[in-house]
């Protein structure tokens, strides 16, 4: 709903977008393209995917008409393929598009939708360290004018969610978000690759991995000397973290 109801979080993303150095394209890794393969969107005009249900019609009318970039998709496929981290070639996808993990953020970060956007799938078959290493393989894109956007939630437990105005955050969700934020700022990135090392709150915060794994791509693509700025923090709907950070 943040996509159609601006708030403090979306305001911070808008401000972040205005402060970024110039970039020519976006590579997005979204929790919502979690499949049993490694693929990259390679179409000229990716569709806006409304991959959810039970929301107001207004949300289904949102469009993010950014162009695609088949040349960038080929570059991404080459970097991933050359890494030796995946079996076989990376599939060039012409059916997926931009899911709400990507466009709900980009419509604030880059509201003009004038830069090409390519999405890379999260391969559900790969262990967590592989996702971090794939981020490392993609790091050269940063020097080529590509913004790497990793979109998920470090706490994402819909089973525990409670919706409504003024609903308090669950204590374990607050603790885990604060722990991840501290590790980001203090350089404890290796511990974040294995959330099982982060204590009992991790299990409730990450009941399934797809929303946590995008963070590992960001960590892999970042330089250890990059400054890290926490852009937003807070728990929405009792059990969904709105933590976001900028690297570099």
Protein backbone atom coordinates (compact mmCIF):
# COMPACT_ATOMS: atom_id res chain seq x y z
CA UNK A 1 0.00 0.00 0.00
CA UNK A 2 2.99 2.31 0.39
CA UNK A 3 3.07 2.45 -3.40
CA UNK A 4 -0.10 4.59 -3.33
CA UNK A 5 0.06 5.99 0.20
CA UNK A 6 3.24 8.05 0.69
CA UNK A 7 4.63 8.13 4.20
CA UNK A 8 7.90 8.70 6.06
CA UNK A 9 9.51 5.63 4.48
CA UNK A 10 8.63 6.58 0.92
CA UNK A 11 9.70 10.16 1.61
CA UNK A 12 13.12 8.89 2.63
CA UNK A 13 13.35 6.81 -0.57
CA UNK A 14 12.46 9.89 -2.62
CA UNK A 15 15.16 11.88 -0.86
CA UNK A 16 17.64 9.06 -1.42
CA UNK A 17 16.81 9.02 -5.12
CA UNK A 18 17.55 12.73 -5.39
CA UNK A 19 20.90 12.30 -3.62
CA UNK A 20 22.28 9.41 -5.67
CA UNK A 21 25.09 10.08 -8.15
CA UNK A 22 24.10 9.75 -11.80
CA UNK A 23 23.43 6.21 -13.02
CA UNK A 24 22.32 4.90 -16.39
CA UNK A 25 20.31 1.79 -15.45
CA UNK A 26 19.07 -0.33 -12.56
CA UNK A 27 19.65 -3.99 -11.81
CA UNK A 28 16.99 -5.15 -9.35
CA UNK A 29 17.00 -8.28 -7.22
CA UNK A 30 13.52 -8.70 -5.76
CA UNK A 31 12.16 -11.15 -3.21
CA UNK A 32 9.20 -11.67 -5.52
CA UNK A 33 11.11 -13.40 -8.30
CA UNK A 34 12.17 -16.43 -6.26
CA UNK A 35 12.26 -19.41 -8.59
CA UNK A 36 14.17 -22.60 -9.25
CA UNK A 37 16.55 -21.10 -11.80
CA UNK A 38 18.77 -18.14 -12.55
CA UNK A 39 17.17 -15.83 -15.11
CA UNK A 40 17.39 -12.19 -16.13
CA UNK A 41 14.72 -10.05 -17.79
CA UNK A 42 15.78 -9.31 -21.36
CA UNK A 43 12.80 -7.57 -22.96
CA UNK A 44 12.70 -4.06 -24.38
CA UNK A 45 9.53 -3.08 -22.48
CA UNK A 46 9.02 -4.99 -19.21
CA UNK A 47 5.45 -5.13 -17.99
CA UNK A 48 4.40 -3.92 -14.53
CA UNK A 49 3.43 -7.05 -12.59
CA UNK A 50 0.72 -6.84 -9.92
CA UNK A 51 1.75 -10.00 -8.08
CA UNK A 52 -0.63 -9.76 -5.12
CA UNK A 53 -4.32 -9.97 -4.33
CA UNK A 54 -6.95 -8.53 -2.04
CA UNK A 55 -5.94 -4.89 -2.39
CA UNK A 56 -7.82 -1.83 -3.71
CA UNK A 57 -8.22 -1.43 -7.46
CA UNK A 58 -6.13 1.73 -7.28
CA UNK A 59 -3.05 -0.37 -6.55
CA UNK A 60 -3.64 -2.56 -9.58
CA UNK A 61 -3.72 0.55 -11.76
CA UNK A 62 -0.14 1.54 -10.86
CA UNK A 63 2.23 1.33 -13.81
CA UNK A 64 5.99 1.74 -13.83
CA UNK A 65 6.78 2.04 -17.55
CA UNK A 66 10.57 1.91 -17.38
CA UNK A 67 12.31 0.46 -20.44
CA UNK A 68 14.28 -2.73 -20.32
CA UNK A 69 17.85 -3.17 -21.52
CA UNK A 70 18.69 -6.39 -23.37
CA UNK A 71 22.36 -5.38 -23.62
CA UNK A 72 22.58 -4.96 -19.85
CA UNK A 73 20.74 -8.26 -19.42
CA UNK A 74 23.40 -9.95 -21.55
CA UNK A 75 26.13 -8.32 -19.44
CA UNK A 76 24.48 -9.55 -16.23
CA UNK A 77 24.14 -13.04 -17.66
CA UNK A 78 27.79 -13.00 -18.62
CA UNK A 79 29.00 -11.93 -15.20
CA UNK A 80 26.87 -14.54 -13.47
CA UNK A 81 27.80 -17.24 -15.93
CA UNK A 82 31.53 -16.47 -15.73
CA UNK A 83 31.39 -16.66 -11.93
CA UNK A 84 31.02 -20.43 -12.01
CA UNK A 85 28.34 -20.17 -9.33
CA UNK A 86 25.45 -21.44 -11.47
CA UNK A 87 24.99 -24.50 -13.63
CA UNK A 88 24.62 -23.74 -17.30
CA UNK A 89 23.69 -20.48 -19.00
CA UNK A 90 21.56 -17.78 -17.38
CA UNK A 91 18.17 -17.77 -19.07
CA UNK A 92 17.14 -14.60 -20.90
CA UNK A 93 13.53 -14.09 -19.78
CA UNK A 94 10.97 -12.21 -21.86
CA UNK A 95 7.85 -13.00 -19.82
CA UNK A 96 8.36 -11.78 -16.24
CA UNK A 97 8.74 -8.00 -16.07
CA UNK A 98 8.97 -5.75 -12.99
CA UNK A 99 7.27 -7.10 -9.87
CA UNK A 100 6.09 -5.02 -6.95
CA UNK A 101 9.29 -5.64 -5.01
CA UNK A 102 10.95 -3.52 -7.68
CA UNK A 103 8.40 -0.95 -8.82
CA UNK A 104 6.96 -0.10 -5.39
CA UNK A 105 10.39 1.22 -4.43
CA UNK A 106 11.49 2.62 -7.79
CA UNK A 107 8.38 4.76 -8.19
CA UNK A 108 9.83 6.84 -5.32
CA UNK A 109 13.53 6.32 -5.96
CA UNK A 110 13.26 7.06 -9.69
CA UNK A 111 9.74 8.41 -10.27
CA UNK A 112 10.28 9.39 -13.91
CA UNK A 113 10.80 5.72 -14.91
CA UNK A 114 13.23 6.97 -17.54
CA UNK A 115 16.14 4.62 -16.81
CA UNK A 116 16.24 1.01 -17.99
CA UNK A 117 15.48 -1.64 -15.36
CA UNK A 118 16.57 -5.27 -15.49
CA UNK A 119 15.62 -7.90 -12.90
CA UNK A 120 17.70 -10.89 -11.84
CA UNK A 121 15.87 -13.85 -10.31
CA UNK A 122 16.77 -15.34 -6.94
CA UNK A 123 17.55 -19.01 -7.52
CA UNK A 124 15.85 -20.92 -4.71
CA UNK A 125 18.24 -23.85 -5.16
CA UNK A 126 21.30 -21.90 -3.99
CA UNK A 127 22.63 -21.65 -0.44
CA UNK A 128 22.85 -18.25 1.22
CA UNK A 129 26.63 -17.78 0.69
CA UNK A 130 26.15 -18.31 -3.05
CA UNK A 131 23.76 -15.37 -3.20
CA UNK A 132 26.38 -13.18 -1.50
CA UNK A 133 28.99 -14.42 -3.99
CA UNK A 134 26.68 -13.65 -6.91
CA UNK A 135 26.50 -10.11 -5.58
CA UNK A 136 30.30 -10.00 -5.70
CA UNK A 137 30.23 -11.20 -9.29
CA UNK A 138 27.87 -8.34 -10.16
CA UNK A 139 29.95 -5.65 -8.40
CA UNK A 140 31.68 -4.45 -11.62
CA UNK A 141 28.33 -3.10 -12.75
CA UNK A 142 28.64 -0.35 -10.14
CA UNK A 143 31.60 1.07 -12.07
CA UNK A 144 29.56 0.86 -15.27
CA UNK A 145 26.83 3.22 -14.10
CA UNK A 146 24.38 0.59 -12.89
CA UNK A 147 22.50 1.02 -9.62
CA UNK A 148 22.06 -2.33 -7.86
CA UNK A 149 18.74 -2.40 -6.02
CA UNK A 150 18.10 -5.26 -3.58
CA UNK A 151 14.49 -5.34 -2.42
CA UNK A 152 13.07 -7.49 0.38
CA UNK A 153 12.50 -7.25 4.14
CA UNK A 154 14.97 -8.45 6.78
CA UNK A 155 11.93 -9.24 8.94
CA UNK A 156 9.01 -10.67 6.95
CA UNK A 157 6.58 -12.86 8.87
CA UNK A 158 3.11 -12.50 7.40
CA UNK A 159 1.76 -15.18 9.72
CA UNK A 160 2.45 -12.89 12.67
CA UNK A 161 1.37 -9.68 10.94
CA UNK A 162 -1.34 -7.48 12.41
CA UNK A 163 -2.77 -4.71 10.27
CA UNK A 164 -4.28 -1.41 11.30
CA UNK A 165 -3.31 2.04 12.50
CA UNK A 166 -1.18 2.10 15.61
CA UNK A 167 -0.53 -1.63 15.72
CA UNK A 168 2.60 -2.15 17.85
CA UNK A 169 5.70 -3.92 16.61
CA UNK A 170 6.44 -7.36 17.99
CA UNK A 171 9.44 -7.31 20.31
CA UNK A 172 11.39 -10.01 18.44
CA UNK A 173 10.90 -8.18 15.14
CA UNK A 174 12.25 -4.96 16.62
CA UNK A 175 15.22 -6.75 18.15
CA UNK A 176 16.15 -8.54 14.94
CA UNK A 177 15.86 -5.43 12.78
CA UNK A 178 18.06 -3.53 15.26
CA UNK A 179 20.61 -6.36 15.20
CA UNK A 180 20.80 -6.38 11.39
CA UNK A 181 21.06 -2.60 11.32
CA UNK A 182 23.93 -2.71 13.80
CA UNK A 183 25.79 -5.34 11.77
CA UNK A 184 25.37 -3.26 8.62
CA UNK A 185 26.78 -0.16 10.26
CA UNK A 186 29.56 -1.91 12.20
CA UNK A 187 30.83 -4.12 9.37
CA UNK A 188 29.64 -7.46 10.73
CA UNK A 189 28.55 -8.52 7.27
CA UNK A 190 29.80 -12.10 7.45
CA UNK A 191 27.41 -12.84 10.29
CA UNK A 192 24.51 -11.61 8.16
CA UNK A 193 25.24 -14.24 5.50
CA UNK A 194 24.29 -16.95 8.00
CA UNK A 195 21.30 -15.56 9.94
CA UNK A 196 21.28 -18.74 12.02
CA UNK A 197 24.24 -17.19 13.84
CA UNK A 198 22.14 -14.18 14.82
CA UNK A 199 20.18 -15.73 17.67
CA UNK A 200 16.67 -17.05 18.26
CA UNK A 201 14.86 -14.02 16.81
CA UNK A 202 16.16 -14.93 13.35
CA UNK A 203 13.86 -17.93 12.99
CA UNK A 204 10.70 -15.92 13.57
CA UNK A 205 11.95 -12.99 11.51
CA UNK A 206 12.91 -15.15 8.51
CA UNK A 207 10.39 -18.02 8.32
CA UNK A 208 11.15 -18.30 4.59
CA UNK A 209 14.34 -17.01 2.94
CA UNK A 210 13.19 -15.09 -0.13
CA UNK A 211 12.73 -11.71 1.56
CA UNK A 212 16.08 -11.90 3.36
CA UNK A 213 18.26 -13.06 0.46
CA UNK A 214 18.25 -9.75 -1.50
CA UNK A 215 20.32 -8.24 1.30
CA UNK A 216 23.09 -10.72 0.53
CA UNK A 217 23.33 -9.46 -3.06
CA UNK A 218 23.79 -5.93 -1.74
CA UNK A 219 26.45 -7.08 0.71
CA UNK A 220 28.28 -8.95 -2.02
CA UNK A 221 28.22 -6.04 -4.45
CA UNK A 222 29.34 -3.55 -1.81
CA UNK A 223 32.99 -2.76 -1.14
CA UNK A 224 33.96 -3.39 2.51
CA UNK A 225 35.22 0.19 2.61
CA UNK A 226 31.92 1.62 1.40
CA UNK A 227 30.21 3.93 3.86
CA UNK A 228 26.86 2.49 4.94
CA UNK A 229 23.93 4.78 5.65
CA UNK A 230 20.76 3.40 7.18
CA UNK A 231 18.00 5.22 5.29
CA UNK A 232 14.89 3.91 7.04
CA UNK A 233 14.09 1.74 10.04
CA UNK A 234 10.86 0.59 11.63
CA UNK A 235 8.41 -2.29 11.84
CA UNK A 236 5.18 -2.16 9.84
CA UNK A 237 2.16 -4.40 10.52
CA UNK A 238 3.85 -5.78 13.66
CA UNK A 239 6.28 -8.09 11.82
CA UNK A 240 7.57 -6.52 8.59
CA UNK A 241 10.83 -4.57 8.71
CA UNK A 242 11.21 -1.37 6.71
CA UNK A 243 14.98 -1.26 7.16
CA UNK A 244 16.77 0.10 4.11
CA UNK A 245 20.38 1.11 3.59
CA UNK A 246 22.67 2.70 1.04
CA UNK A 247 26.14 1.34 0.33
CA UNK A 248 28.66 3.78 -1.06
